Amino acid sequence: MKCPSCAGTLHQAGRTFKCDKCDGAWVKADVLVPLLEQSASALVTLPWQPNTEDHVRSCPECSTAMQTVKLGTVALDRCEPHGVWFDAKELADLLGQAKKFKDKSSPGIVHIGLLERLVGLFHKS
């Protein structure tokens, strides 16, 4: 995959794909919520907001133009089915805000739901 910001090569770095040229990171759609839940120690809901930045970046997986969005105070580029692009330091900024995204819809079940997800992660066939 190529970096949507500088066209450098993305390489896997843990649960993300990193660009050594610009220090950006690609996080696949199915990885973002678990990363934020780990940081928040709770289930999270992501309140995506539209953003009006004037750049267009292509998804590293399908090459279509990504949406510019905001999550908390962080402006991001998102391809809904594939993932989210984080410029340098944006992922760290978002992880620092993870507790703001706690799912408040079922306060008594949050810990049970988190435990169920953890069990699912460790008991995959």
C-alpha atoms as a PDB file:
ATOM      1  CA  MET A   1       0.000   0.000   0.000  1.00  0.00           C
ATOM      2  CA  LYS A   2       1.084   3.561  -0.696  1.00  0.00           C
ATOM      3  CA  CYS A   3       0.821   6.491   1.725  1.00  0.00           C
ATOM      4  CA  PRO A   4      -2.091   8.786   0.789  1.00  0.00           C
ATOM      5  CA  SER A   5      -0.100  11.796   1.960  1.00  0.00           C
ATOM      6  CA  CYS A   6       3.377  11.397   0.432  1.00  0.00           C
ATOM      7  CA  ALA A   7       3.132   8.184  -1.684  1.00  0.00           C
ATOM      8  CA  GLY A   8       5.740   6.420   0.467  1.00  0.00           C
ATOM      9  CA  THR A   9       5.379   2.698   1.104  1.00  0.00           C
ATOM     10  CA  LEU A  10       3.286   1.675   4.104  1.00  0.00           C
ATOM     11  CA  HIS A  11       4.616  -1.168   6.261  1.00  0.00           C
ATOM     12  CA  GLN A  12       2.865  -3.029   9.040  1.00  0.00           C
ATOM     13  CA  ALA A  13       3.687  -1.755  12.514  1.00  0.00           C
ATOM     14  CA  GLY A  14       1.692  -3.679  15.100  1.00  0.00           C
ATOM     15  CA  ARG A  15      -2.005  -3.152  14.365  1.00  0.00           C
ATOM     16  CA  THR A  16      -1.386  -0.196  12.018  1.00  0.00           C
ATOM     17  CA  PHE A  17       0.439   0.492   8.750  1.00  0.00           C
ATOM     18  CA  LYS A  18       3.105   3.168   9.038  1.00  0.00           C
ATOM     19  CA  CYS A  19       4.806   5.545   6.590  1.00  0.00           C
ATOM     20  CA  ASP A  20       8.453   6.173   7.439  1.00  0.00           C
ATOM     21  CA  LYS A  21       8.627   9.251   5.173  1.00  0.00           C
ATOM     22  CA  CYS A  22       5.856  11.359   6.764  1.00  0.00           C
ATOM     23  CA  ASP A  23       5.216   9.376   9.986  1.00  0.00           C
ATOM     24  CA  GLY A  24       1.535   8.913   9.107  1.00  0.00           C
ATOM     25  CA  ALA A  25      -0.475   5.793   9.918  1.00  0.00           C
ATOM     26  CA  TRP A  26      -3.232   3.790   8.202  1.00  0.00           C
ATOM     27  CA  VAL A  27      -5.620   2.070  10.607  1.00  0.00           C
ATOM     28  CA  LYS A  28      -8.011  -0.465   9.134  1.00  0.00           C
ATOM     29  CA  ALA A  29     -11.708   0.030   9.894  1.00  0.00           C
ATOM     30  CA  ASP A  30     -11.972  -3.123  12.018  1.00  0.00           C
ATOM     31  CA  VAL A  31      -8.958  -2.131  14.141  1.00  0.00           C
ATOM     32  CA  LEU A  32      -9.808   1.469  15.095  1.00  0.00           C
ATOM     33  CA  VAL A  33     -12.580   0.745  17.611  1.00  0.00           C
ATOM     34  CA  PRO A  34     -10.585  -1.945  19.480  1.00  0.00           C
ATOM     35  CA  LEU A  35      -7.582   0.426  19.670  1.00  0.00           C
ATOM     36  CA  LEU A  36      -9.747   3.169  21.173  1.00  0.00           C
ATOM     37  CA  GLU A  37     -11.510   0.731  23.515  1.00  0.00           C
ATOM     38  CA  GLN A  38      -8.157  -0.469  24.785  1.00  0.00           C
ATOM     39  CA  SER A  39      -7.080   3.118  25.413  1.00  0.00           C
ATOM     40  CA  ALA A  40     -10.405   4.052  27.088  1.00  0.00           C
ATOM     41  CA  SER A  41     -10.765   0.743  28.999  1.00  0.00           C
ATOM     42  CA  ALA A  42     -14.425   0.782  27.945  1.00  0.00           C
ATOM     43  CA  LEU A  43     -16.662   0.242  24.929  1.00  0.00           C
ATOM     44  CA  VAL A  44     -16.688   3.252  22.622  1.00  0.00           C
ATOM     45  CA  THR A  45     -19.006   4.774  20.047  1.00  0.00           C
ATOM     46  CA  LEU A  46     -17.418   6.941  17.351  1.00  0.00           C
ATOM     47  CA  PRO A  47     -19.233  10.234  16.704  1.00  0.00           C
ATOM     48  CA  TRP A  48     -17.930  10.972  13.184  1.00  0.00           C
ATOM     49  CA  GLN A  49     -18.452  14.600  12.143  1.00  0.00           C
ATOM     50  CA  PRO A  50     -18.059  16.067   8.650  1.00  0.00           C
ATOM     51  CA  ASN A  51     -15.022  18.273   8.058  1.00  0.00           C
ATOM     52  CA  THR A  52     -14.436  20.783   5.292  1.00  0.00           C
ATOM     53  CA  GLU A  53     -10.715  20.472   4.574  1.00  0.00           C
ATOM     54  CA  ASP A  54      -9.829  21.260   0.970  1.00  0.00           C
ATOM     55  CA  HIS A  55      -7.508  18.320   0.225  1.00  0.00           C
ATOM     56  CA  VAL A  56      -8.403  15.007  -1.361  1.00  0.00           C
ATOM     57  CA  ARG A  57      -6.536  11.844  -0.448  1.00  0.00           C
ATOM     58  CA  SER A  58      -7.010   8.408  -1.935  1.00  0.00           C
ATOM     59  CA  CYS A  59      -7.635   5.307   0.144  1.00  0.00           C
ATOM     60  CA  PRO A  60      -4.470   3.175   0.172  1.00  0.00           C
ATOM     61  CA  GLU A  61      -6.604   0.046  -0.314  1.00  0.00           C
ATOM     62  CA  CYS A  62      -9.131   0.990  -3.029  1.00  0.00           C
ATOM     63  CA  SER A  63      -7.778   4.329  -4.378  1.00  0.00           C
ATOM     64  CA  THR A  64     -11.139   6.135  -4.056  1.00  0.00           C
ATOM     65  CA  ALA A  65     -11.251   9.629  -2.563  1.00  0.00           C
ATOM     66  CA  MET A  66     -11.587   9.553   1.213  1.00  0.00           C
ATOM     67  CA  GLN A  67     -14.007  11.713   3.209  1.00  0.00           C
ATOM     68  CA  THR A  68     -12.553  14.428   5.417  1.00  0.00           C
ATOM     69  CA  VAL A  69     -14.025  13.942   8.880  1.00  0.00           C
ATOM     70  CA  LYS A  70     -13.471  14.893  12.506  1.00  0.00           C
ATOM     71  CA  LEU A  71     -13.440  12.612  15.485  1.00  0.00           C
ATOM     72  CA  GLY A  72     -13.229  14.598  18.689  1.00  0.00           C
ATOM     73  CA  THR A  73     -10.840  17.432  17.847  1.00  0.00           C
ATOM     74  CA  VAL A  74      -8.826  15.431  15.299  1.00  0.00           C
ATOM     75  CA  ALA A  75      -9.320  15.997  11.552  1.00  0.00           C
ATOM     76  CA  LEU A  76      -8.922  12.757   9.592  1.00  0.00           C
ATOM     77  CA  ASP A  77      -9.329  11.153   6.176  1.00  0.00           C
ATOM     78  CA  ARG A  78     -11.695   8.170   6.138  1.00  0.00           C
ATOM     79  CA  CYS A  79     -12.670   5.447   3.709  1.00  0.00           C
ATOM     80  CA  GLU A  80     -15.636   3.957   5.558  1.00  0.00           C
ATOM     81  CA  PRO A  81     -15.222   0.339   4.421  1.00  0.00           C
ATOM     82  CA  HIS A  82     -11.422   0.250   4.675  1.00  0.00           C
ATOM     83  CA  GLY A  83      -9.980   2.567   7.305  1.00  0.00           C
ATOM     84  CA  VAL A  84      -8.722   5.926   8.505  1.00  0.00           C
ATOM     85  CA  TRP A  85      -5.580   7.876   7.653  1.00  0.00           C
ATOM     86  CA  PHE A  86      -3.768   9.624  10.516  1.00  0.00           C
ATOM     87  CA  ASP A  87      -1.141  12.263   9.794  1.00  0.00           C
ATOM     88  CA  ALA A  88       1.848  12.374  12.161  1.00  0.00           C
ATOM     89  CA  LYS A  89       0.779  12.582  15.836  1.00  0.00           C
ATOM     90  CA  GLU A  90      -2.975  12.430  15.057  1.00  0.00           C
ATOM     91  CA  LEU A  91      -3.309   8.812  16.210  1.00  0.00           C
ATOM     92  CA  ALA A  92      -1.656   9.662  19.537  1.00  0.00           C
ATOM     93  CA  ASP A  93      -3.968  12.690  19.867  1.00  0.00           C
ATOM     94  CA  LEU A  94      -7.051  10.551  19.222  1.00  0.00           C
ATOM     95  CA  LEU A  95      -5.951   7.806  21.624  1.00  0.00           C
ATOM     96  CA  GLY A  96      -5.587  10.534  24.262  1.00  0.00           C
ATOM     97  CA  GLN A  97      -9.232  11.497  23.675  1.00  0.00           C
ATOM     98  CA  ALA A  98     -10.562   7.908  23.693  1.00  0.00           C
ATOM     99  CA  LYS A  99     -12.385   8.263  27.029  1.00  0.00           C
ATOM    100  CA  LYS A 100     -14.588  10.955  25.453  1.00  0.00           C
ATOM    101  CA  PHE A 101     -16.071   8.272  23.181  1.00  0.00           C
ATOM    102  CA  LYS A 102     -17.274   5.923  25.935  1.00  0.00           C
ATOM    103  CA  ASP A 103     -20.530   4.232  24.992  1.00  0.00           C
ATOM    104  CA  LYS A 104     -23.107   5.565  27.448  1.00  0.00           C
ATOM    105  CA  SER A 105     -26.070   3.649  26.009  1.00  0.00           C
ATOM    106  CA  SER A 106     -25.670   0.688  28.360  1.00  0.00           C
ATOM    107  CA  PRO A 107     -23.686   1.767  31.450  1.00  0.00           C
ATOM    108  CA  GLY A 108     -24.352  -1.431  33.437  1.00  0.00           C
ATOM    109  CA  ILE A 109     -23.249  -3.682  30.595  1.00  0.00           C
ATOM    110  CA  VAL A 110     -20.072  -1.899  29.516  1.00  0.00           C
ATOM    111  CA  HIS A 111     -17.683  -4.123  31.490  1.00  0.00           C
ATOM    112  CA  ILE A 112     -19.461  -7.324  30.445  1.00  0.00           C
ATOM    113  CA  GLY A 113     -19.323  -6.288  26.778  1.00  0.00           C
ATOM    114  CA  LEU A 114     -15.643  -5.454  27.032  1.00  0.00           C
ATOM    115  CA  LEU A 115     -14.917  -8.810  28.663  1.00  0.00           C
ATOM    116  CA  GLU A 116     -16.864 -10.616  25.926  1.00  0.00           C
ATOM    117  CA  ARG A 117     -14.770  -8.870  23.258  1.00  0.00           C
ATOM    118  CA  LEU A 118     -11.543  -9.757  25.065  1.00  0.00           C
ATOM    119  CA  VAL A 119     -12.585 -13.404  25.341  1.00  0.00           C
ATOM    120  CA  GLY A 120     -13.370 -13.363  21.614  1.00  0.00           C
ATOM    121  CA  LEU A 121      -9.913 -11.990  20.823  1.00  0.00           C
ATOM    122  CA  PHE A 122      -8.114 -14.690  22.805  1.00  0.00           C
ATOM    123  CA  HIS A 123     -10.290 -17.615  21.770  1.00  0.00           C
ATOM    124  CA  LYS A 124     -10.322 -17.202  17.985  1.00  0.00           C
ATOM    125  CA  SER A 125      -9.984 -20.464  16.084  1.00  0.00           C
END
